[in-house]
Every structure is written in C-alpha cells, then in structure tokens.
Amino acid sequence: MKESDEVMKESDEVMKESDEVMKESDEVMKENDEVMKENDEVMREHGMRRPLSGRFSLG
C-alpha cells in the first residue's frame, strides 16, 4: 500500500507540474499572438503586406 500511495503522490505532482507548464505555454502563445498583431499593424502602416509565401512586398 505504501508504494502505491507514493506513486499516486508522484503522479499528482507530475500532473500539477504539467498543468503549470500548459498555463505558461498558453501565456507565451497569447504574447506571440499579440506580437504578431502588432507586426501586422506596423506593416500595414508602412504599406507592406505579408503574402502567404511569407515574403514581404511593398503594397
């Protein structure tokens, strides 16, 4: 019984850690989205459009 209790505790800790990592990656993704939006706005202001190919061209 003791071993299984320890294993349960360990798995709970691992689950908590993975939840924290997930939250952090969500935050990072949100930040990346914001940066992308800002970049798009800046490019629009400068008359540049980002085509699907990923290369920049002057509008």
PDB file of N, CA and C in Angstrom:
ATOM      1  N   MET A   1       0.830  -1.211   0.000  1.00  0.00           N
ATOM      2  CA  MET A   1       0.000   0.000   0.000  1.00  0.00           C
ATOM      3  C   MET A   1       0.861   1.255   0.000  1.00  0.00           C
ATOM      4  N   LYS A   2       1.954   1.230   0.740  1.00  0.00           N
ATOM      5  CA  LYS A   2       2.780   2.430   0.817  1.00  0.00           C
ATOM      6  C   LYS A   2       3.305   2.815  -0.558  1.00  0.00           C
ATOM      7  N   GLU A   3       3.781   1.828  -1.294  1.00  0.00           N
ATOM      8  CA  GLU A   3       4.353   2.133  -2.609  1.00  0.00           C
ATOM      9  C   GLU A   3       3.317   2.781  -3.509  1.00  0.00           C
ATOM     10  N   SER A   4       2.109   2.255  -3.511  1.00  0.00           N
ATOM     11  CA  SER A   4       1.083   2.812  -4.396  1.00  0.00           C
ATOM     12  C   SER A   4       0.733   4.236  -3.963  1.00  0.00           C
ATOM     13  N   ASP A   5       0.731   4.501  -2.655  1.00  0.00           N
ATOM     14  CA  ASP A   5       0.470   5.866  -2.182  1.00  0.00           C
ATOM     15  C   ASP A   5       1.549   6.810  -2.698  1.00  0.00           C
ATOM     16  N   GLU A   6       2.797   6.372  -2.620  1.00  0.00           N
ATOM     17  CA  GLU A   6       3.895   7.217  -3.090  1.00  0.00           C
ATOM     18  C   GLU A   6       3.767   7.474  -4.585  1.00  0.00           C
ATOM     19  N   VAL A   7       3.441   6.434  -5.323  1.00  0.00           N
ATOM     20  CA  VAL A   7       3.281   6.580  -6.770  1.00  0.00           C
ATOM     21  C   VAL A   7       2.155   7.570  -7.065  1.00  0.00           C
ATOM     22  N   MET A   8       1.062   7.472  -6.314  1.00  0.00           N
ATOM     23  CA  MET A   8      -0.060   8.397  -6.514  1.00  0.00           C
ATOM     24  C   MET A   8       0.397   9.833  -6.261  1.00  0.00           C
ATOM     25  N   LYS A   9       1.129  10.041  -5.167  1.00  0.00           N
ATOM     26  CA  LYS A   9       1.613  11.385  -4.851  1.00  0.00           C
ATOM     27  C   LYS A   9       2.487  11.899  -5.984  1.00  0.00           C
ATOM     28  N   GLU A  10       3.390  11.053  -6.451  1.00  0.00           N
ATOM     29  CA  GLU A  10       4.290  11.469  -7.529  1.00  0.00           C
ATOM     30  C   GLU A  10       3.499  11.833  -8.776  1.00  0.00           C
ATOM     31  N   SER A  11       2.513  11.023  -9.115  1.00  0.00           N
ATOM     32  CA  SER A  11       1.746  11.311 -10.330  1.00  0.00           C
ATOM     33  C   SER A  11       0.948  12.602 -10.147  1.00  0.00           C
ATOM     34  N   ASP A  12       0.451  12.858  -8.940  1.00  0.00           N
ATOM     35  CA  ASP A  12      -0.247  14.123  -8.681  1.00  0.00           C
ATOM     36  C   ASP A  12       0.701  15.296  -8.904  1.00  0.00           C
ATOM     37  N   GLU A  13       1.927  15.177  -8.388  1.00  0.00           N
ATOM     38  CA  GLU A  13       2.903  16.253  -8.554  1.00  0.00           C
ATOM     39  C   GLU A  13       3.205  16.474 -10.032  1.00  0.00           C
ATOM     40  N   VAL A  14       3.381  15.383 -10.756  1.00  0.00           N
ATOM     41  CA  VAL A  14       3.670  15.495 -12.188  1.00  0.00           C
ATOM     42  C   VAL A  14       2.507  16.183 -12.898  1.00  0.00           C
ATOM     43  N   MET A  15       1.285  15.815 -12.527  1.00  0.00           N
ATOM     44  CA  MET A  15       0.110  16.435 -13.146  1.00  0.00           C
ATOM     45  C   MET A  15       0.104  17.938 -12.874  1.00  0.00           C
ATOM     46  N   LYS A  16       0.383  18.321 -11.620  1.00  0.00           N
ATOM     47  CA  LYS A  16       0.409  19.744 -11.278  1.00  0.00           C
ATOM     48  C   LYS A  16       1.461  20.458 -12.116  1.00  0.00           C
ATOM     49  N   GLU A  17       2.648  19.862 -12.208  1.00  0.00           N
ATOM     50  CA  GLU A  17       3.721  20.479 -12.987  1.00  0.00           C
ATOM     51  C   GLU A  17       3.303  20.640 -14.440  1.00  0.00           C
ATOM     52  N   SER A  18       2.693  19.627 -15.014  1.00  0.00           N
ATOM     53  CA  SER A  18       2.306  19.718 -16.422  1.00  0.00           C
ATOM     54  C   SER A  18       1.217  20.777 -16.593  1.00  0.00           C
ATOM     55  N   ASP A  19       0.324  20.919 -15.613  1.00  0.00           N
ATOM     56  CA  ASP A  19      -0.684  21.985 -15.676  1.00  0.00           C
ATOM     57  C   ASP A  19       0.001  23.347 -15.708  1.00  0.00           C
ATOM     58  N   GLU A  20       1.011  23.527 -14.847  1.00  0.00           N
ATOM     59  CA  GLU A  20       1.728  24.802 -14.811  1.00  0.00           C
ATOM     60  C   GLU A  20       2.401  25.059 -16.151  1.00  0.00           C
ATOM     61  N   VAL A  21       3.023  24.032 -16.703  1.00  0.00           N
ATOM     62  CA  VAL A  21       3.696  24.188 -17.994  1.00  0.00           C
ATOM     63  C   VAL A  21       2.678  24.569 -19.068  1.00  0.00           C
ATOM     64  N   MET A  22       1.516  23.928 -19.036  1.00  0.00           N
ATOM     65  CA  MET A  22       0.471  24.245 -20.012  1.00  0.00           C
ATOM     66  C   MET A  22       0.060  25.707 -19.883  1.00  0.00           C
ATOM     67  N   LYS A  23      -0.143  26.177 -18.646  1.00  0.00           N
ATOM     68  CA  LYS A  23      -0.531  27.573 -18.432  1.00  0.00           C
ATOM     69  C   LYS A  23       0.541  28.494 -18.994  1.00  0.00           C
ATOM     70  N   GLU A  24       1.807  28.186 -18.698  1.00  0.00           N
ATOM     71  CA  GLU A  24       2.899  29.026 -19.186  1.00  0.00           C
ATOM     72  C   GLU A  24       2.907  29.052 -20.708  1.00  0.00           C
ATOM     73  N   SER A  25       2.743  27.910 -21.346  1.00  0.00           N
ATOM     74  CA  SER A  25       2.782  27.882 -22.809  1.00  0.00           C
ATOM     75  C   SER A  25       1.583  28.638 -23.376  1.00  0.00           C
ATOM     76  N   ASP A  26       0.429  28.583 -22.707  1.00  0.00           N
ATOM     77  CA  ASP A  26      -0.727  29.370 -23.146  1.00  0.00           C
ATOM     78  C   ASP A  26      -0.392  30.854 -23.105  1.00  0.00           C
ATOM     79  N   GLU A  27       0.254  31.289 -21.999  1.00  0.00           N
ATOM     80  CA  GLU A  27       0.618  32.699 -21.876  1.00  0.00           C
ATOM     81  C   GLU A  27       1.584  33.089 -22.984  1.00  0.00           C
ATOM     82  N   VAL A  28       2.561  32.237 -23.242  1.00  0.00           N
ATOM     83  CA  VAL A  28       3.536  32.533 -24.292  1.00  0.00           C
ATOM     84  C   VAL A  28       2.828  32.639 -25.636  1.00  0.00           C
ATOM     85  N   MET A  29       1.889  31.736 -25.894  1.00  0.00           N
ATOM     86  CA  MET A  29       1.164  31.782 -27.168  1.00  0.00           C
ATOM     87  C   MET A  29       0.376  33.075 -27.289  1.00  0.00           C
ATOM     88  N   LYS A  30      -0.266  33.512 -26.196  1.00  0.00           N
ATOM     89  CA  LYS A  30      -1.007  34.777 -26.227  1.00  0.00           C
ATOM     90  C   LYS A  30      -0.059  35.924 -26.542  1.00  0.00           C
ATOM     91  N   GLU A  31       1.113  35.942 -25.885  1.00  0.00           N
ATOM     92  CA  GLU A  31       2.087  37.001 -26.142  1.00  0.00           C
ATOM     93  C   GLU A  31       2.508  36.978 -27.605  1.00  0.00           C
ATOM     94  N   ASN A  32       2.763  35.799 -28.145  1.00  0.00           N
ATOM     95  CA  ASN A  32       3.153  35.692 -29.554  1.00  0.00           C
ATOM     96  C   ASN A  32       2.058  36.237 -30.452  1.00  0.00           C
ATOM     97  N   ASP A  33       0.799  35.920 -30.147  1.00  0.00           N
ATOM     98  CA  ASP A  33      -0.318  36.432 -30.944  1.00  0.00           C
ATOM     99  C   ASP A  33      -0.321  37.955 -30.927  1.00  0.00           C
ATOM    100  N   GLU A  34      -0.108  38.544 -29.736  1.00  0.00           N
ATOM    101  CA  GLU A  34      -0.104  39.999 -29.630  1.00  0.00           C
ATOM    102  C   GLU A  34       1.025  40.582 -30.467  1.00  0.00           C
ATOM    103  N   VAL A  35       2.199  39.975 -30.389  1.00  0.00           N
ATOM    104  CA  VAL A  35       3.342  40.467 -31.160  1.00  0.00           C
ATOM    105  C   VAL A  35       3.040  40.379 -32.653  1.00  0.00           C
ATOM    106  N   MET A  36       2.445  39.264 -33.072  1.00  0.00           N
ATOM    107  CA  MET A  36       2.108  39.107 -34.492  1.00  0.00           C
ATOM    108  C   MET A  36       1.141  40.203 -34.927  1.00  0.00           C
ATOM    109  N   LYS A  37       0.116  40.486 -34.107  1.00  0.00           N
ATOM    110  CA  LYS A  37      -0.847  41.534 -34.449  1.00  0.00           C
ATOM    111  C   LYS A  37      -0.135  42.870 -34.579  1.00  0.00           C
ATOM    112  N   GLU A  38       0.759  43.175 -33.619  1.00  0.00           N
ATOM    113  CA  GLU A  38       1.493  44.438 -33.672  1.00  0.00           C
ATOM    114  C   GLU A  38       2.318  44.509 -34.950  1.00  0.00           C
ATOM    115  N   ASN A  39       2.989  43.430 -35.295  1.00  0.00           N
ATOM    116  CA  ASN A  39       3.796  43.409 -36.521  1.00  0.00           C
ATOM    117  C   ASN A  39       2.920  43.661 -37.738  1.00  0.00           C
ATOM    118  N   ASP A  40       1.759  43.022 -37.783  1.00  0.00           N
ATOM    119  CA  ASP A  40       0.847  43.218 -38.912  1.00  0.00           C
ATOM    120  C   ASP A  40       0.429  44.677 -39.007  1.00  0.00           C
ATOM    121  N   GLU A  41       0.125  45.300 -37.855  1.00  0.00           N
ATOM    122  CA  GLU A  41      -0.289  46.703 -37.869  1.00  0.00           C
ATOM    123  C   GLU A  41       0.843  47.583 -38.378  1.00  0.00           C
ATOM    124  N   VAL A  42       2.056  47.334 -37.903  1.00  0.00           N
ATOM    125  CA  VAL A  42       3.201  48.138 -38.338  1.00  0.00           C
ATOM    126  C   VAL A  42       3.385  47.995 -39.841  1.00  0.00           C
ATOM    127  N   MET A  43       3.296  46.775 -40.343  1.00  0.00           N
ATOM    128  CA  MET A  43       3.483  46.562 -41.784  1.00  0.00           C
ATOM    129  C   MET A  43       2.393  47.278 -42.570  1.00  0.00           C
ATOM    130  N   ARG A  44       1.159  47.256 -42.055  1.00  0.00           N
ATOM    131  CA  ARG A  44       0.068  47.944 -42.743  1.00  0.00           C
ATOM    132  C   ARG A  44       0.356  49.440 -42.804  1.00  0.00           C
ATOM    133  N   GLU A  45       0.833  49.981 -41.675  1.00  0.00           N
ATOM    134  CA  GLU A  45       1.133  51.410 -41.629  1.00  0.00           C
ATOM    135  C   GLU A  45       2.187  51.766 -42.666  1.00  0.00           C
ATOM    136  N   HIS A  46       3.130  50.878 -42.898  1.00  0.00           N
ATOM    137  CA  HIS A  46       4.215  51.158 -43.840  1.00  0.00           C
ATOM    138  C   HIS A  46       3.872  50.707 -45.254  1.00  0.00           C
ATOM    139  N   GLY A  47       2.619  50.322 -45.458  1.00  0.00           N
ATOM    140  CA  GLY A  47       2.185  49.942 -46.794  1.00  0.00           C
ATOM    141  C   GLY A  47       2.717  48.600 -47.241  1.00  0.00           C
ATOM    142  N   MET A  48       3.092  47.775 -46.281  1.00  0.00           N
ATOM    143  CA  MET A  48       3.604  46.453 -46.650  1.00  0.00           C
ATOM    144  C   MET A  48       2.543  45.413 -46.343  1.00  0.00           C
ATOM    145  N   ARG A  49       2.474  44.419 -47.180  1.00  0.00           N
ATOM    146  CA  ARG A  49       1.544  43.319 -46.937  1.00  0.00           C
ATOM    147  C   ARG A  49       2.352  42.036 -46.877  1.00  0.00           C
ATOM    148  N   ARG A  50       1.886  41.125 -46.045  1.00  0.00           N
ATOM    149  CA  ARG A  50       2.584  39.847 -45.932  1.00  0.00           C
ATOM    150  C   ARG A  50       1.824  38.825 -46.761  1.00  0.00           C
ATOM    151  N   PRO A  51       2.365  38.433 -47.905  1.00  0.00           N
ATOM    152  CA  PRO A  51       1.692  37.406 -48.706  1.00  0.00           C
ATOM    153  C   PRO A  51       1.815  36.037 -48.053  1.00  0.00           C
ATOM    154  N   LEU A  52       1.061  35.090 -48.562  1.00  0.00           N
ATOM    155  CA  LEU A  52       1.054  33.755 -47.970  1.00  0.00           C
ATOM    156  C   LEU A  52       2.421  33.089 -48.067  1.00  0.00           C
ATOM    157  N   SER A  53       3.216  33.499 -49.044  1.00  0.00           N
ATOM    158  CA  SER A  53       4.525  32.864 -49.207  1.00  0.00           C
ATOM    159  C   SER A  53       5.462  33.232 -48.062  1.00  0.00           C
ATOM    160  N   GLY A  54       5.112  34.277 -47.306  1.00  0.00           N
ATOM    161  CA  GLY A  54       5.958  34.659 -46.190  1.00  0.00           C
ATOM    162  C   GLY A  54       6.960  35.736 -46.550  1.00  0.00           C
ATOM    163  N   ARG A  55       7.014  36.120 -47.832  1.00  0.00           N
ATOM    164  CA  ARG A  55       7.930  37.189 -48.226  1.00  0.00           C
ATOM    165  C   ARG A  55       7.201  38.517 -48.133  1.00  0.00           C
ATOM    166  N   PHE A  56       7.962  39.566 -47.879  1.00  0.00           N
ATOM    167  CA  PHE A  56       7.361  40.886 -47.768  1.00  0.00           C
ATOM    168  C   PHE A  56       7.409  41.590 -49.111  1.00  0.00           C
ATOM    169  N   SER A  57       6.354  42.348 -49.390  1.00  0.00           N
ATOM    170  CA  SER A  57       6.364  43.138 -50.616  1.00  0.00           C
ATOM    171  C   SER A  57       5.733  44.481 -50.319  1.00  0.00           C
ATOM    172  N   LEU A  58       6.167  45.503 -51.020  1.00  0.00           N
ATOM    173  CA  LEU A  58       5.574  46.824 -50.848  1.00  0.00           C
ATOM    174  C   LEU A  58       4.220  46.835 -51.535  1.00  0.00           C
ATOM    175  N   GLY A  59       3.205  47.352 -50.821  1.00  0.00           N
ATOM    176  CA  GLY A  59       1.850  47.374 -51.359  1.00  0.00           C
ATOM    177  C   GLY A  59       1.785  48.288 -52.534  1.00  0.00           C
TER     178      GLY A  59
END
